[in-house]
Amino acid sequence: MARLSGMSVPVLHRTFQAATAISPIRFRTEIRLQEARLMPATRLGEVTAVGRRVGYDNSSRFNREYRRLFGAPRAVTRPASARPDRAPAGP
């Protein structure tokens, strides 16, 4: 990314952080985790599979990062409609 923008890595890092208030690596991590959070709405799958779909080979790291960003483990934040053990609420 630095090469494409014509900047050195440190300059790109400072510029990116000044514009977004987070580092480029943290930004990428948050995008991946936001994508993982949205997956249950469109696909059912286990936590490990979701982590792999968004680029995590290590499920422990995926779970740790997810909990750090959202405050709860991945399984807890899935909507009830995406859980096979729960029926959707209705009238």
PDB file of N, CA and C in Angstrom:
ATOM      1  N   MET A   1       0.830  -1.176   0.000  1.00  0.00           N
ATOM      2  CA  MET A   1       0.000   0.000   0.000  1.00  0.00           C
ATOM      3  C   MET A   1       0.880   1.247   0.000  1.00  0.00           C
ATOM      4  N   ALA A   2       1.952   1.205   0.765  1.00  0.00           N
ATOM      5  CA  ALA A   2       2.855   2.358   0.807  1.00  0.00           C
ATOM      6  C   ALA A   2       3.461   2.599  -0.569  1.00  0.00           C
ATOM      7  N   ARG A   3       3.882   1.529  -1.212  1.00  0.00           N
ATOM      8  CA  ARG A   3       4.498   1.654  -2.532  1.00  0.00           C
ATOM      9  C   ARG A   3       3.504   2.241  -3.540  1.00  0.00           C
ATOM     10  N   LEU A   4       2.267   1.762  -3.513  1.00  0.00           N
ATOM     11  CA  LEU A   4       1.247   2.269  -4.433  1.00  0.00           C
ATOM     12  C   LEU A   4       0.934   3.742  -4.208  1.00  0.00           C
ATOM     13  N   SER A   5       1.018   4.172  -2.966  1.00  0.00           N
ATOM     14  CA  SER A   5       0.711   5.573  -2.664  1.00  0.00           C
ATOM     15  C   SER A   5       1.909   6.490  -2.846  1.00  0.00           C
ATOM     16  N   GLY A   6       3.096   5.913  -3.068  1.00  0.00           N
ATOM     17  CA  GLY A   6       4.298   6.715  -3.248  1.00  0.00           C
ATOM     18  C   GLY A   6       4.862   7.237  -1.938  1.00  0.00           C
ATOM     19  N   MET A   7       4.477   6.612  -0.818  1.00  0.00           N
ATOM     20  CA  MET A   7       4.956   7.029   0.505  1.00  0.00           C
ATOM     21  C   MET A   7       5.831   5.936   1.095  1.00  0.00           C
ATOM     22  N   SER A   8       6.646   6.341   2.055  1.00  0.00           N
ATOM     23  CA  SER A   8       7.376   5.334   2.823  1.00  0.00           C
ATOM     24  C   SER A   8       6.399   4.704   3.805  1.00  0.00           C
ATOM     25  N   VAL A   9       6.759   3.555   4.340  1.00  0.00           N
ATOM     26  CA  VAL A   9       5.880   2.875   5.289  1.00  0.00           C
ATOM     27  C   VAL A   9       5.596   3.750   6.517  1.00  0.00           C
ATOM     28  N   PRO A  10       6.613   4.372   7.131  1.00  0.00           N
ATOM     29  CA  PRO A  10       6.312   5.208   8.300  1.00  0.00           C
ATOM     30  C   PRO A  10       5.399   6.405   7.977  1.00  0.00           C
ATOM     31  N   VAL A  11       5.601   7.006   6.819  1.00  0.00           N
ATOM     32  CA  VAL A  11       4.762   8.150   6.445  1.00  0.00           C
ATOM     33  C   VAL A  11       3.335   7.687   6.192  1.00  0.00           C
ATOM     34  N   LEU A  12       3.174   6.573   5.510  1.00  0.00           N
ATOM     35  CA  LEU A  12       1.830   6.032   5.290  1.00  0.00           C
ATOM     36  C   LEU A  12       1.152   5.728   6.629  1.00  0.00           C
ATOM     37  N   HIS A  13       1.878   5.109   7.530  1.00  0.00           N
ATOM     38  CA  HIS A  13       1.328   4.773   8.841  1.00  0.00           C
ATOM     39  C   HIS A  13       0.864   6.043   9.566  1.00  0.00           C
ATOM     40  N   ARG A  14       1.717   7.063   9.617  1.00  0.00           N
ATOM     41  CA  ARG A  14       1.346   8.323  10.295  1.00  0.00           C
ATOM     42  C   ARG A  14       0.166   8.995   9.621  1.00  0.00           C
ATOM     43  N   THR A  15       0.154   9.032   8.294  1.00  0.00           N
ATOM     44  CA  THR A  15      -0.934   9.671   7.545  1.00  0.00           C
ATOM     45  C   THR A  15      -2.250   8.929   7.755  1.00  0.00           C
ATOM     46  N   PHE A  16      -2.191   7.614   7.675  1.00  0.00           N
ATOM     47  CA  PHE A  16      -3.386   6.796   7.865  1.00  0.00           C
ATOM     48  C   PHE A  16      -3.936   6.973   9.280  1.00  0.00           C
ATOM     49  N   GLN A  17      -3.041   6.925  10.258  1.00  0.00           N
ATOM     50  CA  GLN A  17      -3.470   7.052  11.649  1.00  0.00           C
ATOM     51  C   GLN A  17      -4.022   8.450  11.930  1.00  0.00           C
ATOM     52  N   ALA A  18      -3.470   9.464  11.318  1.00  0.00           N
ATOM     53  CA  ALA A  18      -3.991  10.829  11.498  1.00  0.00           C
ATOM     54  C   ALA A  18      -5.397  10.958  10.914  1.00  0.00           C
ATOM     55  N   ALA A  19      -5.652  10.269   9.813  1.00  0.00           N
ATOM     56  CA  ALA A  19      -6.957  10.364   9.146  1.00  0.00           C
ATOM     57  C   ALA A  19      -8.022   9.495   9.802  1.00  0.00           C
ATOM     58  N   THR A  20      -7.619   8.343  10.368  1.00  0.00           N
ATOM     59  CA  THR A  20      -8.610   7.389  10.879  1.00  0.00           C
ATOM     60  C   THR A  20      -8.560   7.193  12.389  1.00  0.00           C
ATOM     61  N   ALA A  21      -7.537   7.670  13.041  1.00  0.00           N
ATOM     62  CA  ALA A  21      -7.310   7.512  14.489  1.00  0.00           C
ATOM     63  C   ALA A  21      -6.946   6.082  14.885  1.00  0.00           C
ATOM     64  N   ILE A  22      -6.678   5.201  13.916  1.00  0.00           N
ATOM     65  CA  ILE A  22      -6.182   3.854  14.207  1.00  0.00           C
ATOM     66  C   ILE A  22      -5.105   3.494  13.187  1.00  0.00           C
ATOM     67  N   SER A  23      -4.310   2.489  13.538  1.00  0.00           N
ATOM     68  CA  SER A  23      -3.247   2.058  12.630  1.00  0.00           C
ATOM     69  C   SER A  23      -3.831   1.288  11.454  1.00  0.00           C
ATOM     70  N   PRO A  24      -3.089   1.186  10.354  1.00  0.00           N
ATOM     71  CA  PRO A  24      -3.572   0.401   9.218  1.00  0.00           C
ATOM     72  C   PRO A  24      -3.833  -1.065   9.579  1.00  0.00           C
ATOM     73  N   ILE A  25      -3.004  -1.640  10.423  1.00  0.00           N
ATOM     74  CA  ILE A  25      -3.197  -3.038  10.820  1.00  0.00           C
ATOM     75  C   ILE A  25      -4.462  -3.188  11.649  1.00  0.00           C
ATOM     76  N   ARG A  26      -4.691  -2.267  12.581  1.00  0.00           N
ATOM     77  CA  ARG A  26      -5.912  -2.322  13.398  1.00  0.00           C
ATOM     78  C   ARG A  26      -7.151  -2.126  12.528  1.00  0.00           C
ATOM     79  N   PHE A  27      -7.037  -1.247  11.538  1.00  0.00           N
ATOM     80  CA  PHE A  27      -8.150  -1.008  10.612  1.00  0.00           C
ATOM     81  C   PHE A  27      -8.510  -2.296   9.876  1.00  0.00           C
ATOM     82  N   ARG A  28      -7.502  -2.979   9.354  1.00  0.00           N
ATOM     83  CA  ARG A  28      -7.727  -4.245   8.652  1.00  0.00           C
ATOM     84  C   ARG A  28      -8.362  -5.284   9.573  1.00  0.00           C
ATOM     85  N   THR A  29      -7.875  -5.367  10.801  1.00  0.00           N
ATOM     86  CA  THR A  29      -8.425  -6.301  11.775  1.00  0.00           C
ATOM     87  C   THR A  29      -9.894  -6.006  12.049  1.00  0.00           C
ATOM     88  N   GLU A  30     -10.229  -4.740  12.254  1.00  0.00           N
ATOM     89  CA  GLU A  30     -11.613  -4.371  12.537  1.00  0.00           C
ATOM     90  C   GLU A  30     -12.536  -4.644  11.349  1.00  0.00           C
ATOM     91  N   ILE A  31     -12.049  -4.435  10.138  1.00  0.00           N
ATOM     92  CA  ILE A  31     -12.850  -4.741   8.945  1.00  0.00           C
ATOM     93  C   ILE A  31     -13.134  -6.238   8.887  1.00  0.00           C
ATOM     94  N   ARG A  32     -12.121  -7.057   9.129  1.00  0.00           N
ATOM     95  CA  ARG A  32     -12.305  -8.509   9.127  1.00  0.00           C
ATOM     96  C   ARG A  32     -13.325  -8.948  10.173  1.00  0.00           C
ATOM     97  N   LEU A  33     -13.215  -8.380  11.365  1.00  0.00           N
ATOM     98  CA  LEU A  33     -14.114  -8.778  12.443  1.00  0.00           C
ATOM     99  C   LEU A  33     -15.538  -8.269  12.212  1.00  0.00           C
ATOM    100  N   GLN A  34     -15.682  -7.105  11.625  1.00  0.00           N
ATOM    101  CA  GLN A  34     -17.024  -6.614  11.272  1.00  0.00           C
ATOM    102  C   GLN A  34     -17.662  -7.552  10.245  1.00  0.00           C
ATOM    103  N   GLU A  35     -16.859  -7.998   9.299  1.00  0.00           N
ATOM    104  CA  GLU A  35     -17.360  -8.940   8.299  1.00  0.00           C
ATOM    105  C   GLU A  35     -17.798 -10.244   8.972  1.00  0.00           C
ATOM    106  N   ALA A  36     -16.996 -10.730   9.909  1.00  0.00           N
ATOM    107  CA  ALA A  36     -17.343 -11.955  10.634  1.00  0.00           C
ATOM    108  C   ALA A  36     -18.630 -11.771  11.425  1.00  0.00           C
ATOM    109  N   ARG A  37     -18.820 -10.611  11.979  1.00  0.00           N
ATOM    110  CA  ARG A  37     -20.025 -10.338  12.768  1.00  0.00           C
ATOM    111  C   ARG A  37     -21.279 -10.369  11.896  1.00  0.00           C
ATOM    112  N   LEU A  38     -21.156  -9.985  10.644  1.00  0.00           N
ATOM    113  CA  LEU A  38     -22.294  -9.958   9.733  1.00  0.00           C
ATOM    114  C   LEU A  38     -22.589 -11.318   9.100  1.00  0.00           C
ATOM    115  N   MET A  39     -21.655 -12.202   9.104  1.00  0.00           N
ATOM    116  CA  MET A  39     -21.825 -13.489   8.428  1.00  0.00           C
ATOM    117  C   MET A  39     -23.030 -14.298   8.870  1.00  0.00           C
ATOM    118  N   PRO A  40     -23.379 -14.363  10.146  1.00  0.00           N
ATOM    119  CA  PRO A  40     -24.523 -15.198  10.524  1.00  0.00           C
ATOM    120  C   PRO A  40     -25.825 -14.781   9.859  1.00  0.00           C
ATOM    121  N   ALA A  41     -25.949 -13.541   9.468  1.00  0.00           N
ATOM    122  CA  ALA A  41     -27.170 -13.073   8.821  1.00  0.00           C
ATOM    123  C   ALA A  41     -27.346 -13.714   7.457  1.00  0.00           C
ATOM    124  N   THR A  42     -26.258 -14.155   6.847  1.00  0.00           N
ATOM    125  CA  THR A  42     -26.340 -14.732   5.511  1.00  0.00           C
ATOM    126  C   THR A  42     -25.931 -16.199   5.458  1.00  0.00           C
ATOM    127  N   ARG A  43     -25.130 -16.647   6.405  1.00  0.00           N
ATOM    128  CA  ARG A  43     -24.634 -18.027   6.386  1.00  0.00           C
ATOM    129  C   ARG A  43     -24.595 -18.596   7.800  1.00  0.00           C
ATOM    130  N   LEU A  44     -24.932 -19.837   7.907  1.00  0.00           N
ATOM    131  CA  LEU A  44     -24.722 -20.532   9.176  1.00  0.00           C
ATOM    132  C   LEU A  44     -23.339 -21.158   9.131  1.00  0.00           C
ATOM    133  N   GLY A  45     -22.692 -21.206  10.235  1.00  0.00           N
ATOM    134  CA  GLY A  45     -21.378 -21.838  10.266  1.00  0.00           C
ATOM    135  C   GLY A  45     -20.799 -21.773  11.654  1.00  0.00           C
ATOM    136  N   GLU A  46     -19.865 -22.624  11.902  1.00  0.00           N
ATOM    137  CA  GLU A  46     -19.234 -22.618  13.203  1.00  0.00           C
ATOM    138  C   GLU A  46     -18.226 -21.482  13.305  1.00  0.00           C
ATOM    139  N   VAL A  47     -17.846 -21.159  14.515  1.00  0.00           N
ATOM    140  CA  VAL A  47     -16.957 -20.033  14.776  1.00  0.00           C
ATOM    141  C   VAL A  47     -15.632 -20.182  14.037  1.00  0.00           C
ATOM    142  N   THR A  48     -15.069 -21.356  14.046  1.00  0.00           N
ATOM    143  CA  THR A  48     -13.789 -21.576  13.365  1.00  0.00           C
ATOM    144  C   THR A  48     -13.910 -21.315  11.871  1.00  0.00           C
ATOM    145  N   ALA A  49     -14.982 -21.778  11.257  1.00  0.00           N
ATOM    146  CA  ALA A  49     -15.174 -21.578   9.818  1.00  0.00           C
ATOM    147  C   ALA A  49     -15.339 -20.102   9.491  1.00  0.00           C
ATOM    148  N   VAL A  50     -16.061 -19.377  10.321  1.00  0.00           N
ATOM    149  CA  VAL A  50     -16.232 -17.939  10.099  1.00  0.00           C
ATOM    150  C   VAL A  50     -14.877 -17.245  10.210  1.00  0.00           C
ATOM    151  N   GLY A  51     -14.107 -17.606  11.211  1.00  0.00           N
ATOM    152  CA  GLY A  51     -12.770 -17.027  11.375  1.00  0.00           C
ATOM    153  C   GLY A  51     -11.893 -17.269  10.163  1.00  0.00           C
ATOM    154  N   ARG A  52     -11.960 -18.466   9.635  1.00  0.00           N
ATOM    155  CA  ARG A  52     -11.154 -18.771   8.442  1.00  0.00           C
ATOM    156  C   ARG A  52     -11.624 -17.982   7.223  1.00  0.00           C
ATOM    157  N   ARG A  53     -12.937 -17.799   7.100  1.00  0.00           N
ATOM    158  CA  ARG A  53     -13.466 -17.043   5.958  1.00  0.00           C
ATOM    159  C   ARG A  53     -12.987 -15.598   5.944  1.00  0.00           C
ATOM    160  N   VAL A  54     -12.699 -15.048   7.116  1.00  0.00           N
ATOM    161  CA  VAL A  54     -12.244 -13.656   7.161  1.00  0.00           C
ATOM    162  C   VAL A  54     -10.735 -13.529   7.338  1.00  0.00           C
ATOM    163  N   GLY A  55     -10.012 -14.659   7.215  1.00  0.00           N
ATOM    164  CA  GLY A  55      -8.555 -14.590   7.164  1.00  0.00           C
ATOM    165  C   GLY A  55      -7.801 -15.012   8.399  1.00  0.00           C
ATOM    166  N   TYR A  56      -8.450 -15.641   9.360  1.00  0.00           N
ATOM    167  CA  TYR A  56      -7.763 -16.120  10.563  1.00  0.00           C
ATOM    168  C   TYR A  56      -7.545 -17.620  10.461  1.00  0.00           C
ATOM    169  N   ASP A  57      -6.283 -18.041  10.482  1.00  0.00           N
ATOM    170  CA  ASP A  57      -5.966 -19.468  10.488  1.00  0.00           C
ATOM    171  C   ASP A  57      -6.004 -20.019  11.908  1.00  0.00           C
ATOM    172  N   ASN A  58      -5.867 -19.144  12.885  1.00  0.00           N
ATOM    173  CA  ASN A  58      -5.822 -19.540  14.282  1.00  0.00           C
ATOM    174  C   ASN A  58      -7.131 -19.143  14.953  1.00  0.00           C
ATOM    175  N   SER A  59      -7.956 -20.119  15.343  1.00  0.00           N
ATOM    176  CA  SER A  59      -9.267 -19.818  15.928  1.00  0.00           C
ATOM    177  C   SER A  59      -9.144 -19.128  17.284  1.00  0.00           C
ATOM    178  N   SER A  60      -8.098 -19.421  18.036  1.00  0.00           N
ATOM    179  CA  SER A  60      -7.908 -18.753  19.329  1.00  0.00           C
ATOM    180  C   SER A  60      -7.677 -17.258  19.137  1.00  0.00           C
ATOM    181  N   ARG A  61      -6.861 -16.934  18.161  1.00  0.00           N
ATOM    182  CA  ARG A  61      -6.603 -15.511  17.901  1.00  0.00           C
ATOM    183  C   ARG A  61      -7.868 -14.813  17.405  1.00  0.00           C
ATOM    184  N   PHE A  62      -8.610 -15.478  16.526  1.00  0.00           N
ATOM    185  CA  PHE A  62      -9.867 -14.923  16.046  1.00  0.00           C
ATOM    186  C   PHE A  62     -10.806 -14.649  17.217  1.00  0.00           C
ATOM    187  N   ASN A  63     -10.980 -15.628  18.102  1.00  0.00           N
ATOM    188  CA  ASN A  63     -11.866 -15.454  19.257  1.00  0.00           C
ATOM    189  C   ASN A  63     -11.391 -14.332  20.172  1.00  0.00           C
ATOM    190  N   ARG A  64     -10.096 -14.252  20.405  1.00  0.00           N
ATOM    191  CA  ARG A  64      -9.531 -13.210  21.271  1.00  0.00           C
ATOM    192  C   ARG A  64      -9.764 -11.821  20.679  1.00  0.00           C
ATOM    193  N   GLU A  65      -9.476 -11.667  19.384  1.00  0.00           N
ATOM    194  CA  GLU A  65      -9.671 -10.381  18.714  1.00  0.00           C
ATOM    195  C   GLU A  65     -11.147  -9.995  18.668  1.00  0.00           C
ATOM    196  N   TYR A  66     -12.000 -10.966  18.402  1.00  0.00           N
ATOM    197  CA  TYR A  66     -13.445 -10.706  18.334  1.00  0.00           C
ATOM    198  C   TYR A  66     -13.968 -10.232  19.688  1.00  0.00           C
ATOM    199  N   ARG A  67     -13.555 -10.925  20.741  1.00  0.00           N
ATOM    200  CA  ARG A  67     -13.975 -10.549  22.096  1.00  0.00           C
ATOM    201  C   ARG A  67     -13.446  -9.161  22.459  1.00  0.00           C
ATOM    202  N   ARG A  68     -12.228  -8.859  22.071  1.00  0.00           N
ATOM    203  CA  ARG A  68     -11.634  -7.553  22.375  1.00  0.00           C
ATOM    204  C   ARG A  68     -12.433  -6.428  21.706  1.00  0.00           C
ATOM    205  N   LEU A  69     -12.859  -6.628  20.472  1.00  0.00           N
ATOM    206  CA  LEU A  69     -13.582  -5.586  19.742  1.00  0.00           C
ATOM    207  C   LEU A  69     -15.037  -5.468  20.169  1.00  0.00           C
ATOM    208  N   PHE A  70     -15.720  -6.599  20.350  1.00  0.00           N
ATOM    209  CA  PHE A  70     -17.159  -6.570  20.602  1.00  0.00           C
ATOM    210  C   PHE A  70     -17.550  -6.831  22.055  1.00  0.00           C
ATOM    211  N   GLY A  71     -16.601  -7.220  22.902  1.00  0.00           N
ATOM    212  CA  GLY A  71     -16.890  -7.414  24.311  1.00  0.00           C
ATOM    213  C   GLY A  71     -17.549  -8.730  24.671  1.00  0.00           C
ATOM    214  N   ALA A  72     -17.726  -9.609  23.715  1.00  0.00           N
ATOM    215  CA  ALA A  72     -18.342 -10.908  23.966  1.00  0.00           C
ATOM    216  C   ALA A  72     -17.796 -11.903  22.954  1.00  0.00           C
ATOM    217  N   PRO A  73     -17.779 -13.184  23.319  1.00  0.00           N
ATOM    218  CA  PRO A  73     -17.302 -14.178  22.361  1.00  0.00           C
ATOM    219  C   PRO A  73     -18.202 -14.270  21.135  1.00  0.00           C
ATOM    220  N   ARG A  74     -17.695 -14.759  20.059  1.00  0.00           N
ATOM    221  CA  ARG A  74     -18.415 -14.849  18.792  1.00  0.00           C
ATOM    222  C   ARG A  74     -19.729 -15.598  18.928  1.00  0.00           C
ATOM    223  N   ALA A  75     -19.756 -16.699  19.627  1.00  0.00           N
ATOM    224  CA  ALA A  75     -20.976 -17.499  19.753  1.00  0.00           C
ATOM    225  C   ALA A  75     -22.081 -16.736  20.479  1.00  0.00           C
ATOM    226  N   VAL A  76     -21.741 -15.871  21.416  1.00  0.00           N
ATOM    227  CA  VAL A  76     -22.736 -15.121  22.187  1.00  0.00           C
ATOM    228  C   VAL A  76     -23.372 -14.019  21.364  1.00  0.00           C
ATOM    229  N   THR A  77     -22.648 -13.457  20.429  1.00  0.00           N
ATOM    230  CA  THR A  77     -23.165 -12.318  19.676  1.00  0.00           C
ATOM    231  C   THR A  77     -23.922 -12.715  18.419  1.00  0.00           C
ATOM    232  N   ARG A  78     -24.031 -14.011  18.141  1.00  0.00           N
ATOM    233  CA  ARG A  78     -24.815 -14.434  16.976  1.00  0.00           C
ATOM    234  C   ARG A  78     -26.284 -14.181  17.249  1.00  0.00           C
ATOM    235  N   PRO A  79     -27.026 -13.698  16.273  1.00  0.00           N
ATOM    236  CA  PRO A  79     -28.458 -13.494  16.475  1.00  0.00           C
ATOM    237  C   PRO A  79     -29.172 -14.816  16.743  1.00  0.00           C
ATOM    238  N   ALA A  80     -30.239 -14.780  17.529  1.00  0.00           N
ATOM    239  CA  ALA A  80     -30.988 -15.990  17.865  1.00  0.00           C
ATOM    240  C   ALA A  80     -31.483 -16.704  16.617  1.00  0.00           C
ATOM    241  N   SER A  81     -31.854 -15.971  15.597  1.00  0.00           N
ATOM    242  CA  SER A  81     -32.355 -16.584  14.366  1.00  0.00           C
ATOM    243  C   SER A  81     -31.279 -17.383  13.642  1.00  0.00           C
ATOM    244  N   ALA A  82     -30.000 -17.097  13.937  1.00  0.00           N
ATOM    245  CA  ALA A  82     -28.919 -17.818  13.283  1.00  0.00           C
ATOM    246  C   ALA A  82     -28.507 -19.052  14.086  1.00  0.00           C
ATOM    247  N   ARG A  83     -29.062 -19.220  15.286  1.00  0.00           N
ATOM    248  CA  ARG A  83     -28.703 -20.365  16.114  1.00  0.00           C
ATOM    249  C   ARG A  83     -29.703 -21.491  15.890  1.00  0.00           C
ATOM    250  N   PRO A  84     -29.219 -22.662  15.556  1.00  0.00           N
ATOM    251  CA  PRO A  84     -30.129 -23.772  15.294  1.00  0.00           C
ATOM    252  C   PRO A  84     -30.863 -24.257  16.542  1.00  0.00           C
ATOM    253  N   ASP A  85     -30.362 -23.932  17.745  1.00  0.00           N
ATOM    254  CA  ASP A  85     -30.985 -24.403  18.979  1.00  0.00           C
ATOM    255  C   ASP A  85     -32.121 -23.502  19.457  1.00  0.00           C
ATOM    256  N   ARG A  86     -32.384 -22.411  18.749  1.00  0.00           N
ATOM    257  CA  ARG A  86     -33.432 -21.490  19.171  1.00  0.00           C
ATOM    258  C   ARG A  86     -34.391 -21.204  18.043  1.00  0.00           C
ATOM    259  N   ALA A  87     -35.647 -21.188  18.369  1.00  0.00           N
ATOM    260  CA  ALA A  87     -36.664 -20.825  17.385  1.00  0.00           C
ATOM    261  C   ALA A  87     -36.815 -19.315  17.372  1.00  0.00           C
ATOM    262  N   PRO A  88     -37.128 -18.718  16.223  1.00  0.00           N
ATOM    263  CA  PRO A  88     -37.325 -17.274  16.178  1.00  0.00           C
ATOM    264  C   PRO A  88     -38.501 -16.859  17.049  1.00  0.00           C
ATOM    265  N   ALA A  89     -38.357 -15.692  17.676  1.00  0.00           N
ATOM    266  CA  ALA A  89     -39.440 -15.174  18.511  1.00  0.00           C
ATOM    267  C   ALA A  89     -40.597 -14.736  17.618  1.00  0.00           C
ATOM    268  N   GLY A  90     -41.792 -14.939  18.077  1.00  0.00           N
ATOM    269  CA  GLY A  90     -42.949 -14.566  17.272  1.00  0.00           C
ATOM    270  C   GLY A  90     -44.149 -14.307  18.142  1.00  0.00           C
ATOM    271  N   PRO A  91     -45.236 -13.832  17.534  1.00  0.00           N
ATOM    272  CA  PRO A  91     -46.445 -13.519  18.304  1.00  0.00           C
ATOM    273  C   PRO A  91     -47.157 -14.737  18.823  1.00  0.00           C
TER     274      PRO A  91
END
